[in-house]
PDB file of N, CA and C in Angstrom:
ATOM      1  N   UNK A   1      27.213  37.746 -53.082  1.00  0.00           N
ATOM      2  CA  UNK A   1      25.832  38.106 -53.215  1.00  0.00           C
ATOM      3  C   UNK A   1      25.388  38.767 -51.908  1.00  0.00           C
ATOM      4  N   UNK A   2      24.685  39.870 -51.977  1.00  0.00           N
ATOM      5  CA  UNK A   2      24.217  40.525 -50.755  1.00  0.00           C
ATOM      6  C   UNK A   2      23.090  39.728 -50.100  1.00  0.00           C
ATOM      7  N   UNK A   3      22.868  40.008 -48.829  1.00  0.00           N
ATOM      8  CA  UNK A   3      21.766  39.378 -48.107  1.00  0.00           C
ATOM      9  C   UNK A   3      20.453  39.777 -48.770  1.00  0.00           C
ATOM     10  N   UNK A   4      19.608  38.805 -49.067  1.00  0.00           N
ATOM     11  CA  UNK A   4      18.342  39.097 -49.731  1.00  0.00           C
ATOM     12  C   UNK A   4      17.246  39.477 -48.755  1.00  0.00           C
ATOM     13  N   UNK A   5      17.233  38.838 -47.589  1.00  0.00           N
ATOM     14  CA  UNK A   5      16.140  39.043 -46.648  1.00  0.00           C
ATOM     15  C   UNK A   5      16.652  38.891 -45.226  1.00  0.00           C
ATOM     16  N   UNK A   6      16.408  39.882 -44.400  1.00  0.00           N
ATOM     17  CA  UNK A   6      16.776  39.815 -42.990  1.00  0.00           C
ATOM     18  C   UNK A   6      15.592  39.255 -42.214  1.00  0.00           C
ATOM     19  N   UNK A   7      15.791  38.139 -41.534  1.00  0.00           N
ATOM     20  CA  UNK A   7      14.703  37.490 -40.806  1.00  0.00           C
ATOM     21  C   UNK A   7      14.760  37.731 -39.303  1.00  0.00           C
ATOM     22  N   UNK A   8      15.677  38.552 -38.844  1.00  0.00           N
ATOM     23  CA  UNK A   8      15.755  38.857 -37.414  1.00  0.00           C
ATOM     24  C   UNK A   8      16.052  37.621 -36.596  1.00  0.00           C
ATOM     25  N   UNK A   9      15.293  37.407 -35.505  1.00  0.00           N
ATOM     26  CA  UNK A   9      15.577  36.284 -34.602  1.00  0.00           C
ATOM     27  C   UNK A   9      14.988  34.956 -35.068  1.00  0.00           C
ATOM     28  N   UNK A  10      14.596  34.860 -36.310  1.00  0.00           N
ATOM     29  CA  UNK A  10      13.928  33.647 -36.813  1.00  0.00           C
ATOM     30  C   UNK A  10      14.870  32.461 -36.895  1.00  0.00           C
ATOM     31  N   UNK A  11      14.325  31.291 -36.555  1.00  0.00           N
ATOM     32  CA  UNK A  11      15.026  30.027 -36.746  1.00  0.00           C
ATOM     33  C   UNK A  11      14.469  29.416 -38.028  1.00  0.00           C
ATOM     34  N   UNK A  12      15.151  29.657 -39.143  1.00  0.00           N
ATOM     35  CA  UNK A  12      14.687  29.157 -40.439  1.00  0.00           C
ATOM     36  C   UNK A  12      14.957  27.661 -40.502  1.00  0.00           C
ATOM     37  N   UNK A  13      13.907  26.886 -40.791  1.00  0.00           N
ATOM     38  CA  UNK A  13      14.067  25.437 -40.735  1.00  0.00           C
ATOM     39  C   UNK A  13      13.628  24.715 -42.002  1.00  0.00           C
ATOM     40  N   UNK A  14      12.992  25.373 -42.924  1.00  0.00           N
ATOM     41  CA  UNK A  14      12.572  24.720 -44.157  1.00  0.00           C
ATOM     42  C   UNK A  14      12.414  25.741 -45.264  1.00  0.00           C
ATOM     43  N   UNK A  15      12.705  25.330 -46.479  1.00  0.00           N
ATOM     44  CA  UNK A  15      12.641  26.237 -47.626  1.00  0.00           C
ATOM     45  C   UNK A  15      12.211  25.434 -48.848  1.00  0.00           C
ATOM     46  N   UNK A  16      11.303  25.995 -49.629  1.00  0.00           N
ATOM     47  CA  UNK A  16      10.876  25.342 -50.867  1.00  0.00           C
ATOM     48  C   UNK A  16      10.680  26.389 -51.955  1.00  0.00           C
ATOM     49  N   UNK A  17      11.035  26.010 -53.167  1.00  0.00           N
ATOM     50  CA  UNK A  17      10.742  26.829 -54.351  1.00  0.00           C
ATOM     51  C   UNK A  17       9.467  26.285 -54.969  1.00  0.00           C
ATOM     52  N   UNK A  18       8.491  27.130 -55.161  1.00  0.00           N
ATOM     53  CA  UNK A  18       7.190  26.716 -55.682  1.00  0.00           C
ATOM     54  C   UNK A  18       7.236  26.710 -57.206  1.00  0.00           C
ATOM     55  N   UNK A  19       7.034  25.540 -57.814  1.00  0.00           N
ATOM     56  CA  UNK A  19       7.154  25.405 -59.266  1.00  0.00           C
ATOM     57  C   UNK A  19       5.816  25.436 -59.990  1.00  0.00           C
ATOM     58  N   UNK A  20       4.750  25.085 -59.318  1.00  0.00           N
ATOM     59  CA  UNK A  20       3.428  24.979 -59.931  1.00  0.00           C
ATOM     60  C   UNK A  20       2.825  26.363 -60.173  1.00  0.00           C
ATOM     61  N   UNK A  21       1.713  26.384 -60.893  1.00  0.00           N
ATOM     62  CA  UNK A  21       0.950  27.627 -60.997  1.00  0.00           C
ATOM     63  C   UNK A  21      -0.466  27.415 -60.457  1.00  0.00           C
ATOM     64  N   UNK A  22      -0.634  26.402 -59.584  1.00  0.00           N
ATOM     65  CA  UNK A  22      -1.940  26.106 -58.988  1.00  0.00           C
ATOM     66  C   UNK A  22      -2.470  27.274 -58.164  1.00  0.00           C
ATOM     67  N   UNK A  23      -1.603  28.053 -57.555  1.00  0.00           N
ATOM     68  CA  UNK A  23      -2.009  29.241 -56.794  1.00  0.00           C
ATOM     69  C   UNK A  23      -2.116  30.466 -57.698  1.00  0.00           C
ATOM     70  N   UNK A  24      -1.801  30.291 -58.961  1.00  0.00           N
ATOM     71  CA  UNK A  24      -1.789  31.396 -59.909  1.00  0.00           C
ATOM     72  C   UNK A  24      -0.369  31.718 -60.324  1.00  0.00           C
ATOM     73  N   UNK A  25      -0.214  32.400 -61.461  1.00  0.00           N
ATOM     74  CA  UNK A  25       1.128  32.665 -61.990  1.00  0.00           C
ATOM     75  C   UNK A  25       1.986  33.562 -61.088  1.00  0.00           C
ATOM     76  N   UNK A  26       1.381  34.357 -60.223  1.00  0.00           N
ATOM     77  CA  UNK A  26       2.161  35.229 -59.339  1.00  0.00           C
ATOM     78  C   UNK A  26       2.935  34.448 -58.273  1.00  0.00           C
ATOM     79  N   UNK A  27       2.565  33.189 -58.058  1.00  0.00           N
ATOM     80  CA  UNK A  27       3.233  32.369 -57.039  1.00  0.00           C
ATOM     81  C   UNK A  27       4.337  31.485 -57.622  1.00  0.00           C
ATOM     82  N   UNK A  28       4.341  31.300 -58.930  1.00  0.00           N
ATOM     83  CA  UNK A  28       5.331  30.429 -59.552  1.00  0.00           C
ATOM     84  C   UNK A  28       6.735  30.981 -59.335  1.00  0.00           C
ATOM     85  N   UNK A  29       7.647  30.103 -58.931  1.00  0.00           N
ATOM     86  CA  UNK A  29       9.054  30.416 -58.647  1.00  0.00           C
ATOM     87  C   UNK A  29       9.247  31.256 -57.383  1.00  0.00           C
ATOM     88  N   UNK A  30       8.223  31.364 -56.545  1.00  0.00           N
ATOM     89  CA  UNK A  30       8.379  32.011 -55.242  1.00  0.00           C
ATOM     90  C   UNK A  30       9.043  31.040 -54.278  1.00  0.00           C
ATOM     91  N   UNK A  31       9.621  31.570 -53.211  1.00  0.00           N
ATOM     92  CA  UNK A  31      10.184  30.748 -52.142  1.00  0.00           C
ATOM     93  C   UNK A  31       9.236  30.789 -50.954  1.00  0.00           C
ATOM     94  N   UNK A  32       9.144  29.670 -50.238  1.00  0.00           N
ATOM     95  CA  UNK A  32       8.376  29.589 -48.999  1.00  0.00           C
ATOM     96  C   UNK A  32       9.316  29.112 -47.907  1.00  0.00           C
ATOM     97  N   UNK A  33       9.340  29.829 -46.789  1.00  0.00           N
ATOM     98  CA  UNK A  33      10.297  29.593 -45.719  1.00  0.00           C
ATOM     99  C   UNK A  33       9.576  29.347 -44.405  1.00  0.00           C
ATOM    100  N   UNK A  34       9.964  28.281 -43.698  1.00  0.00           N
ATOM    101  CA  UNK A  34       9.421  28.000 -42.365  1.00  0.00           C
ATOM    102  C   UNK A  34      10.252  28.735 -41.317  1.00  0.00           C
ATOM    103  N   UNK A  35       9.575  29.466 -40.457  1.00  0.00           N
ATOM    104  CA  UNK A  35      10.226  30.155 -39.349  1.00  0.00           C
ATOM    105  C   UNK A  35       9.766  29.469 -38.062  1.00  0.00           C
ATOM    106  N   UNK A  36      10.545  28.500 -37.642  1.00  0.00           N
ATOM    107  CA  UNK A  36      10.215  27.577 -36.552  1.00  0.00           C
ATOM    108  C   UNK A  36       9.747  28.301 -35.291  1.00  0.00           C
ATOM    109  N   UNK A  37      10.512  29.265 -34.827  1.00  0.00           N
ATOM    110  CA  UNK A  37      10.222  29.904 -33.544  1.00  0.00           C
ATOM    111  C   UNK A  37       9.272  31.095 -33.650  1.00  0.00           C
ATOM    112  N   UNK A  38       8.909  31.498 -34.833  1.00  0.00           N
ATOM    113  CA  UNK A  38       7.987  32.632 -34.998  1.00  0.00           C
ATOM    114  C   UNK A  38       6.589  32.175 -35.400  1.00  0.00           C
ATOM    115  N   UNK A  39       6.361  30.854 -35.443  1.00  0.00           N
ATOM    116  CA  UNK A  39       5.059  30.257 -35.739  1.00  0.00           C
ATOM    117  C   UNK A  39       4.487  30.718 -37.080  1.00  0.00           C
ATOM    118  N   UNK A  40       5.337  30.731 -38.113  1.00  0.00           N
ATOM    119  CA  UNK A  40       4.812  31.136 -39.418  1.00  0.00           C
ATOM    120  C   UNK A  40       5.637  30.601 -40.579  1.00  0.00           C
ATOM    121  N   UNK A  41       4.996  30.668 -41.739  1.00  0.00           N
ATOM    122  CA  UNK A  41       5.633  30.361 -43.023  1.00  0.00           C
ATOM    123  C   UNK A  41       5.529  31.634 -43.847  1.00  0.00           C
ATOM    124  N   UNK A  42       6.641  32.069 -44.409  1.00  0.00           N
ATOM    125  CA  UNK A  42       6.652  33.307 -45.181  1.00  0.00           C
ATOM    126  C   UNK A  42       6.840  33.012 -46.669  1.00  0.00           C
ATOM    127  N   UNK A  43       6.447  33.975 -47.474  1.00  0.00           N
ATOM    128  CA  UNK A  43       6.583  33.892 -48.928  1.00  0.00           C
ATOM    129  C   UNK A  43       7.585  34.946 -49.369  1.00  0.00           C
ATOM    130  N   UNK A  44       8.517  34.549 -50.229  1.00  0.00           N
ATOM    131  CA  UNK A  44       9.494  35.468 -50.790  1.00  0.00           C
ATOM    132  C   UNK A  44       9.310  35.510 -52.301  1.00  0.00           C
ATOM    133  N   UNK A  45       9.060  36.701 -52.807  1.00  0.00           N
ATOM    134  CA  UNK A  45       8.934  36.910 -54.246  1.00  0.00           C
ATOM    135  C   UNK A  45      10.252  37.506 -54.729  1.00  0.00           C
ATOM    136  N   UNK A  46      10.937  36.763 -55.585  1.00  0.00           N
ATOM    137  CA  UNK A  46      12.232  37.208 -56.106  1.00  0.00           C
ATOM    138  C   UNK A  46      12.041  37.982 -57.409  1.00  0.00           C
ATOM    139  N   UNK A  47      12.836  39.013 -57.574  1.00  0.00           N
ATOM    140  CA  UNK A  47      12.857  39.734 -58.847  1.00  0.00           C
ATOM    141  C   UNK A  47      14.310  40.078 -59.168  1.00  0.00           C
ATOM    142  N   UNK A  48      14.632  39.994 -60.434  1.00  0.00           N
ATOM    143  CA  UNK A  48      16.007  40.256 -60.849  1.00  0.00           C
ATOM    144  C   UNK A  48      16.327  41.737 -60.673  1.00  0.00           C
ATOM    145  N   UNK A  49      17.542  41.982 -60.184  1.00  0.00           N
ATOM    146  CA  UNK A  49      18.025  43.341 -59.941  1.00  0.00           C
ATOM    147  C   UNK A  49      19.463  43.411 -60.436  1.00  0.00           C
ATOM    148  N   UNK A  50      19.635  43.605 -61.734  1.00  0.00           N
ATOM    149  CA  UNK A  50      20.978  43.591 -62.321  1.00  0.00           C
ATOM    150  C   UNK A  50      21.519  42.176 -62.302  1.00  0.00           C
ATOM    151  N   UNK A  51      22.703  42.005 -61.712  1.00  0.00           N
ATOM    152  CA  UNK A  51      23.339  40.689 -61.656  1.00  0.00           C
ATOM    153  C   UNK A  51      22.916  39.894 -60.421  1.00  0.00           C
ATOM    154  N   UNK A  52      22.009  40.440 -59.620  1.00  0.00           N
ATOM    155  CA  UNK A  52      21.563  39.754 -58.403  1.00  0.00           C
ATOM    156  C   UNK A  52      20.036  39.788 -58.344  1.00  0.00           C
ATOM    157  N   UNK A  53      19.481  39.612 -57.178  1.00  0.00           N
ATOM    158  CA  UNK A  53      18.032  39.612 -56.990  1.00  0.00           C
ATOM    159  C   UNK A  53      17.661  40.499 -55.821  1.00  0.00           C
ATOM    160  N   UNK A  54      16.408  40.917 -55.803  1.00  0.00           N
ATOM    161  CA  UNK A  54      15.840  41.529 -54.608  1.00  0.00           C
ATOM    162  C   UNK A  54      14.612  40.716 -54.252  1.00  0.00           C
ATOM    163  N   UNK A  55      14.147  40.864 -53.026  1.00  0.00           N
ATOM    164  CA  UNK A  55      13.062  40.022 -52.538  1.00  0.00           C
ATOM    165  C   UNK A  55      12.005  40.869 -51.836  1.00  0.00           C
ATOM    166  N   UNK A  56      10.754  40.462 -51.991  1.00  0.00           N
ATOM    167  CA  UNK A  56       9.646  41.041 -51.239  1.00  0.00           C
ATOM    168  C   UNK A  56       9.107  39.935 -50.330  1.00  0.00           C
ATOM    169  N   UNK A  57       9.162  40.145 -49.018  1.00  0.00           N
ATOM    170  CA  UNK A  57       8.709  39.169 -48.028  1.00  0.00           C
ATOM    171  C   UNK A  57       7.275  39.449 -47.621  1.00  0.00           C
ATOM    172  N   UNK A  58       6.509  38.373 -47.405  1.00  0.00           N
ATOM    173  CA  UNK A  58       5.169  38.513 -46.828  1.00  0.00           C
ATOM    174  C   UNK A  58       4.828  37.242 -46.061  1.00  0.00           C
ATOM    175  N   UNK A  59       3.918  37.356 -45.103  1.00  0.00           N
ATOM    176  CA  UNK A  59       3.463  36.188 -44.354  1.00  0.00           C
ATOM    177  C   UNK A  59       2.534  35.362 -45.234  1.00  0.00           C
ATOM    178  N   UNK A  60       2.677  34.035 -45.160  1.00  0.00           N
ATOM    179  CA  UNK A  60       1.820  33.133 -45.919  1.00  0.00           C
ATOM    180  C   UNK A  60       0.884  32.378 -44.968  1.00  0.00           C
ATOM    181  N   UNK A  61       1.436  31.778 -43.918  1.00  0.00           N
ATOM    182  CA  UNK A  61       0.661  31.123 -42.858  1.00  0.00           C
ATOM    183  C   UNK A  61       1.206  31.621 -41.534  1.00  0.00           C
ATOM    184  N   UNK A  62       0.305  32.088 -40.665  1.00  0.00           N
ATOM    185  CA  UNK A  62       0.694  32.574 -39.341  1.00  0.00           C
ATOM    186  C   UNK A  62      -0.246  31.960 -38.316  1.00  0.00           C
ATOM    187  N   UNK A  63       0.309  31.511 -37.197  1.00  0.00           N
ATOM    188  CA  UNK A  63      -0.505  30.939 -36.131  1.00  0.00           C
ATOM    189  C   UNK A  63      -0.236  31.673 -34.826  1.00  0.00           C
ATOM    190  N   UNK A  64      -1.279  31.832 -34.023  1.00  0.00           N
ATOM    191  CA  UNK A  64      -1.081  32.402 -32.688  1.00  0.00           C
ATOM    192  C   UNK A  64      -0.894  31.292 -31.645  1.00  0.00           C
ATOM    193  N   UNK A  65      -0.881  30.038 -32.093  1.00  0.00           N
ATOM    194  CA  UNK A  65      -0.626  28.900 -31.216  1.00  0.00           C
ATOM    195  C   UNK A  65       0.884  28.797 -30.996  1.00  0.00           C
ATOM    196  N   UNK A  66       1.329  28.986 -29.777  1.00  0.00           N
ATOM    197  CA  UNK A  66       2.768  28.980 -29.477  1.00  0.00           C
ATOM    198  C   UNK A  66       3.411  27.607 -29.653  1.00  0.00           C
ATOM    199  N   UNK A  67       2.601  26.558 -29.783  1.00  0.00           N
ATOM    200  CA  UNK A  67       3.142  25.227 -30.044  1.00  0.00           C
ATOM    201  C   UNK A  67       3.135  24.875 -31.527  1.00  0.00           C
ATOM    202  N   UNK A  68       2.828  25.832 -32.391  1.00  0.00           N
ATOM    203  CA  UNK A  68       2.950  25.622 -33.838  1.00  0.00           C
ATOM    204  C   UNK A  68       4.379  25.932 -34.230  1.00  0.00           C
ATOM    205  N   UNK A  69       5.096  24.895 -34.673  1.00  0.00           N
ATOM    206  CA  UNK A  69       6.502  25.044 -35.071  1.00  0.00           C
ATOM    207  C   UNK A  69       6.697  24.432 -36.458  1.00  0.00           C
ATOM    208  N   UNK A  70       6.495  25.233 -37.527  1.00  0.00           N
ATOM    209  CA  UNK A  70       6.681  24.688 -38.874  1.00  0.00           C
ATOM    210  C   UNK A  70       8.159  24.397 -39.128  1.00  0.00           C
ATOM    211  N   UNK A  71       8.429  23.177 -39.563  1.00  0.00           N
ATOM    212  CA  UNK A  71       9.821  22.787 -39.792  1.00  0.00           C
ATOM    213  C   UNK A  71      10.146  22.530 -41.252  1.00  0.00           C
ATOM    214  N   UNK A  72       9.123  22.273 -42.054  1.00  0.00           N
ATOM    215  CA  UNK A  72       9.406  22.046 -43.464  1.00  0.00           C
ATOM    216  C   UNK A  72       8.172  22.361 -44.289  1.00  0.00           C
ATOM    217  N   UNK A  73       8.410  22.714 -45.527  1.00  0.00           N
ATOM    218  CA  UNK A  73       7.347  22.985 -46.489  1.00  0.00           C
ATOM    219  C   UNK A  73       7.781  22.346 -47.805  1.00  0.00           C
ATOM    220  N   UNK A  74       6.828  21.652 -48.445  1.00  0.00           N
ATOM    221  CA  UNK A  74       7.151  20.961 -49.691  1.00  0.00           C
ATOM    222  C   UNK A  74       5.947  21.060 -50.627  1.00  0.00           C
ATOM    223  N   UNK A  75       6.219  21.149 -51.906  1.00  0.00           N
ATOM    224  CA  UNK A  75       5.152  21.203 -52.904  1.00  0.00           C
ATOM    225  C   UNK A  75       4.719  19.788 -53.260  1.00  0.00           C
ATOM    226  N   UNK A  76       3.405  19.542 -53.203  1.00  0.00           N
ATOM    227  CA  UNK A  76       2.866  18.238 -53.556  1.00  0.00           C
ATOM    228  C   UNK A  76       2.602  18.190 -55.062  1.00  0.00           C
ATOM    229  N   UNK A  77       2.291  17.012 -55.579  1.00  0.00           N
ATOM    230  CA  UNK A  77       2.098  16.818 -57.018  1.00  0.00           C
ATOM    231  C   UNK A  77       0.951  17.653 -57.579  1.00  0.00           C
ATOM    232  N   UNK A  78      -0.057  17.949 -56.747  1.00  0.00           N
ATOM    233  CA  UNK A  78      -1.208  18.733 -57.216  1.00  0.00           C
ATOM    234  C   UNK A  78      -0.988  20.237 -57.110  1.00  0.00           C
ATOM    235  N   UNK A  79       0.192  20.665 -56.658  1.00  0.00           N
ATOM    236  CA  UNK A  79       0.498  22.092 -56.537  1.00  0.00           C
ATOM    237  C   UNK A  79       0.194  22.670 -55.173  1.00  0.00           C
ATOM    238  N   UNK A  80      -0.378  21.872 -54.274  1.00  0.00           N
ATOM    239  CA  UNK A  80      -0.603  22.370 -52.914  1.00  0.00           C
ATOM    240  C   UNK A  80       0.722  22.336 -52.149  1.00  0.00           C
ATOM    241  N   UNK A  81       0.773  23.074 -51.064  1.00  0.00           N
ATOM    242  CA  UNK A  81       1.956  23.071 -50.210  1.00  0.00           C
ATOM    243  C   UNK A  81       1.651  22.281 -48.954  1.00  0.00           C
ATOM    244  N   UNK A  82       2.558  21.385 -48.586  1.00  0.00           N
ATOM    245  CA  UNK A  82       2.449  20.632 -47.345  1.00  0.00           C
ATOM    246  C   UNK A  82       3.364  21.286 -46.323  1.00  0.00           C
ATOM    247  N   UNK A  83       2.808  21.576 -45.149  1.00  0.00           N
ATOM    248  CA  UNK A  83       3.578  22.217 -44.082  1.00  0.00           C
ATOM    249  C   UNK A  83       3.682  21.230 -42.927  1.00  0.00           C
ATOM    250  N   UNK A  84       4.902  20.911 -42.525  1.00  0.00           N
ATOM    251  CA  UNK A  84       5.153  20.008 -41.411  1.00  0.00           C
ATOM    252  C   UNK A  84       5.295  20.845 -40.148  1.00  0.00           C
ATOM    253  N   UNK A  85       4.463  20.535 -39.150  1.00  0.00           N
ATOM    254  CA  UNK A  85       4.492  21.204 -37.849  1.00  0.00           C
ATOM    255  C   UNK A  85       4.900  20.168 -36.817  1.00  0.00           C
ATOM    256  N   UNK A  86       6.023  20.362 -36.146  1.00  0.00           N
ATOM    257  CA  UNK A  86       6.489  19.378 -35.168  1.00  0.00           C
ATOM    258  C   UNK A  86       5.821  19.533 -33.817  1.00  0.00           C
ATOM    259  N   UNK A  87       5.049  20.589 -33.609  1.00  0.00           N
ATOM    260  CA  UNK A  87       4.429  20.786 -32.306  1.00  0.00           C
ATOM    261  C   UNK A  87       5.447  21.282 -31.292  1.00  0.00           C
ATOM    262  N   UNK A  88       5.144  21.080 -30.017  1.00  0.00           N
ATOM    263  CA  UNK A  88       5.994  21.618 -28.951  1.00  0.00           C
ATOM    264  C   UNK A  88       6.852  20.600 -28.251  1.00  0.00           C
ATOM    265  N   UNK A  89       7.172  19.497 -28.912  1.00  0.00           N
ATOM    266  CA  UNK A  89       7.936  18.441 -28.243  1.00  0.00           C
ATOM    267  C   UNK A  89       9.416  18.761 -28.106  1.00  0.00           C
ATOM    268  N   UNK A  90       9.958  19.581 -28.973  1.00  0.00           N
ATOM    269  CA  UNK A  90      11.405  19.825 -28.980  1.00  0.00           C
ATOM    270  C   UNK A  90      11.728  21.031 -28.118  1.00  0.00           C
ATOM    271  N   UNK A  91      12.144  20.771 -26.875  1.00  0.00           N
ATOM    272  CA  UNK A  91      12.439  21.896 -25.990  1.00  0.00           C
ATOM    273  C   UNK A  91      13.930  22.078 -25.717  1.00  0.00           C
ATOM    274  N   UNK A  92      14.741  21.119 -26.113  1.00  0.00           N
ATOM    275  CA  UNK A  92      16.181  21.245 -25.948  1.00  0.00           C
ATOM    276  C   UNK A  92      16.674  22.364 -26.867  1.00  0.00           C
ATOM    277  N   UNK A  93      17.239  23.393 -26.338  1.00  0.00           N
ATOM    278  CA  UNK A  93      17.797  24.526 -27.088  1.00  0.00           C
ATOM    279  C   UNK A  93      16.727  25.384 -27.767  1.00  0.00           C
ATOM    280  N   UNK A  94      15.459  25.170 -27.474  1.00  0.00           N
ATOM    281  CA  UNK A  94      14.413  25.992 -28.075  1.00  0.00           C
ATOM    282  C   UNK A  94      13.491  26.503 -26.979  1.00  0.00           C
ATOM    283  N   UNK A  95      13.732  27.706 -26.506  1.00  0.00           N
ATOM    284  CA  UNK A  95      12.916  28.234 -25.410  1.00  0.00           C
ATOM    285  C   UNK A  95      11.470  28.515 -25.794  1.00  0.00           C
ATOM    286  N   UNK A  96      11.137  28.510 -27.084  1.00  0.00           N
ATOM    287  CA  UNK A  96       9.747  28.769 -27.469  1.00  0.00           C
ATOM    288  C   UNK A  96       8.904  27.504 -27.507  1.00  0.00           C
ATOM    289  N   UNK A  97       9.506  26.325 -27.380  1.00  0.00           N
ATOM    290  CA  UNK A  97       8.729  25.085 -27.379  1.00  0.00           C
ATOM    291  C   UNK A  97       8.096  24.860 -26.015  1.00  0.00           C
ATOM    292  N   UNK A  98       6.957  24.202 -26.022  1.00  0.00           N
ATOM    293  CA  UNK A  98       6.199  23.838 -24.829  1.00  0.00           C
ATOM    294  C   UNK A  98       5.810  25.040 -23.986  1.00  0.00           C
ATOM    295  N   UNK A  99       5.448  26.111 -24.610  1.00  0.00           N
ATOM    296  CA  UNK A  99       4.971  27.273 -23.868  1.00  0.00           C
ATOM    297  C   UNK A  99       3.501  27.156 -23.513  1.00  0.00           C
ATOM    298  N   UNK A 100       2.731  26.432 -24.301  1.00  0.00           N
ATOM    299  CA  UNK A 100       1.294  26.330 -24.083  1.00  0.00           C
ATOM    300  C   UNK A 100       0.961  25.221 -23.102  1.00  0.00           C
ATOM    301  N   UNK A 101       1.570  24.058 -23.264  1.00  0.00           N
ATOM    302  CA  UNK A 101       1.267  22.904 -22.432  1.00  0.00           C
ATOM    303  C   UNK A 101       2.545  22.341 -21.834  1.00  0.00           C
ATOM    304  N   UNK A 102       2.425  21.794 -20.631  1.00  0.00           N
ATOM    305  CA  UNK A 102       3.586  21.169 -20.002  1.00  0.00           C
ATOM    306  C   UNK A 102       3.920  19.845 -20.685  1.00  0.00           C
ATOM    307  N   UNK A 103       2.904  19.137 -21.187  1.00  0.00           N
ATOM    308  CA  UNK A 103       3.161  17.874 -21.881  1.00  0.00           C
ATOM    309  C   UNK A 103       3.514  18.172 -23.342  1.00  0.00           C
ATOM    310  N   UNK A 104       4.051  17.200 -23.984  1.00  0.00           N
ATOM    311  CA  UNK A 104       4.409  17.371 -25.400  1.00  0.00           C
ATOM    312  C   UNK A 104       3.149  17.498 -26.248  1.00  0.00           C
ATOM    313  N   UNK A 105       3.104  18.500 -27.079  1.00  0.00           N
ATOM    314  CA  UNK A 105       1.973  18.632 -27.990  1.00  0.00           C
ATOM    315  C   UNK A 105       2.288  17.883 -29.282  1.00  0.00           C
ATOM    316  N   UNK A 106       1.236  17.440 -29.948  1.00  0.00           N
ATOM    317  CA  UNK A 106       1.400  16.690 -31.187  1.00  0.00           C
ATOM    318  C   UNK A 106       1.621  17.638 -32.351  1.00  0.00           C
ATOM    319  N   UNK A 107       2.358  17.182 -33.310  1.00  0.00           N
ATOM    320  CA  UNK A 107       2.563  17.947 -34.521  1.00  0.00           C
ATOM    321  C   UNK A 107       1.448  17.701 -35.519  1.00  0.00           C
ATOM    322  N   UNK A 108       1.552  18.309 -36.687  1.00  0.00           N
ATOM    323  CA  UNK A 108       0.523  18.194 -37.718  1.00  0.00           C
ATOM    324  C   UNK A 108       1.168  18.243 -39.086  1.00  0.00           C
ATOM    325  N   UNK A 109       0.424  17.787 -40.056  1.00  0.00           N
ATOM    326  CA  UNK A 109       0.769  17.966 -41.457  1.00  0.00           C
ATOM    327  C   UNK A 109      -0.406  18.695 -42.081  1.00  0.00           C
ATOM    328  N   UNK A 110      -0.177  19.890 -42.588  1.00  0.00           N
ATOM    329  CA  UNK A 110      -1.241  20.722 -43.136  1.00  0.00           C
ATOM    330  C   UNK A 110      -1.057  20.900 -44.628  1.00  0.00           C
ATOM    331  N   UNK A 111      -2.168  21.040 -45.336  1.00  0.00           N
ATOM    332  CA  UNK A 111      -2.135  21.284 -46.775  1.00  0.00           C
ATOM    333  C   UNK A 111      -2.693  22.677 -47.033  1.00  0.00           C
ATOM    334  N   UNK A 112      -1.938  23.502 -47.786  1.00  0.00           N
ATOM    335  CA  UNK A 112      -2.400  24.847 -48.124  1.00  0.00           C
ATOM    336  C   UNK A 112      -2.795  24.903 -49.578  1.00  0.00           C
TER     337      UNK A 112
END
């Protein structure tokens, strides 16, 4: 299978397939991907292309806070998406962590 989406220097850390239609039918069966070091969650819309698929990428959640590090995304029972943000505590092997504050920043759990 060919590469569906080139993410460049992204550290992909979480992926979910959206099954609900709470966001509308255009979101059903889309993929949502956490890009840990780029401070965002992206949306991938898949479409069949012969025996394989092609994808259209777009930003879903983007933060300008350098300590926002989304690590996972999961669909809740009501169709909302939960995004896990670990904050800036993980600096081992991650040069983008702790850029804003010298102390460890707290993570968050967000609902979209």
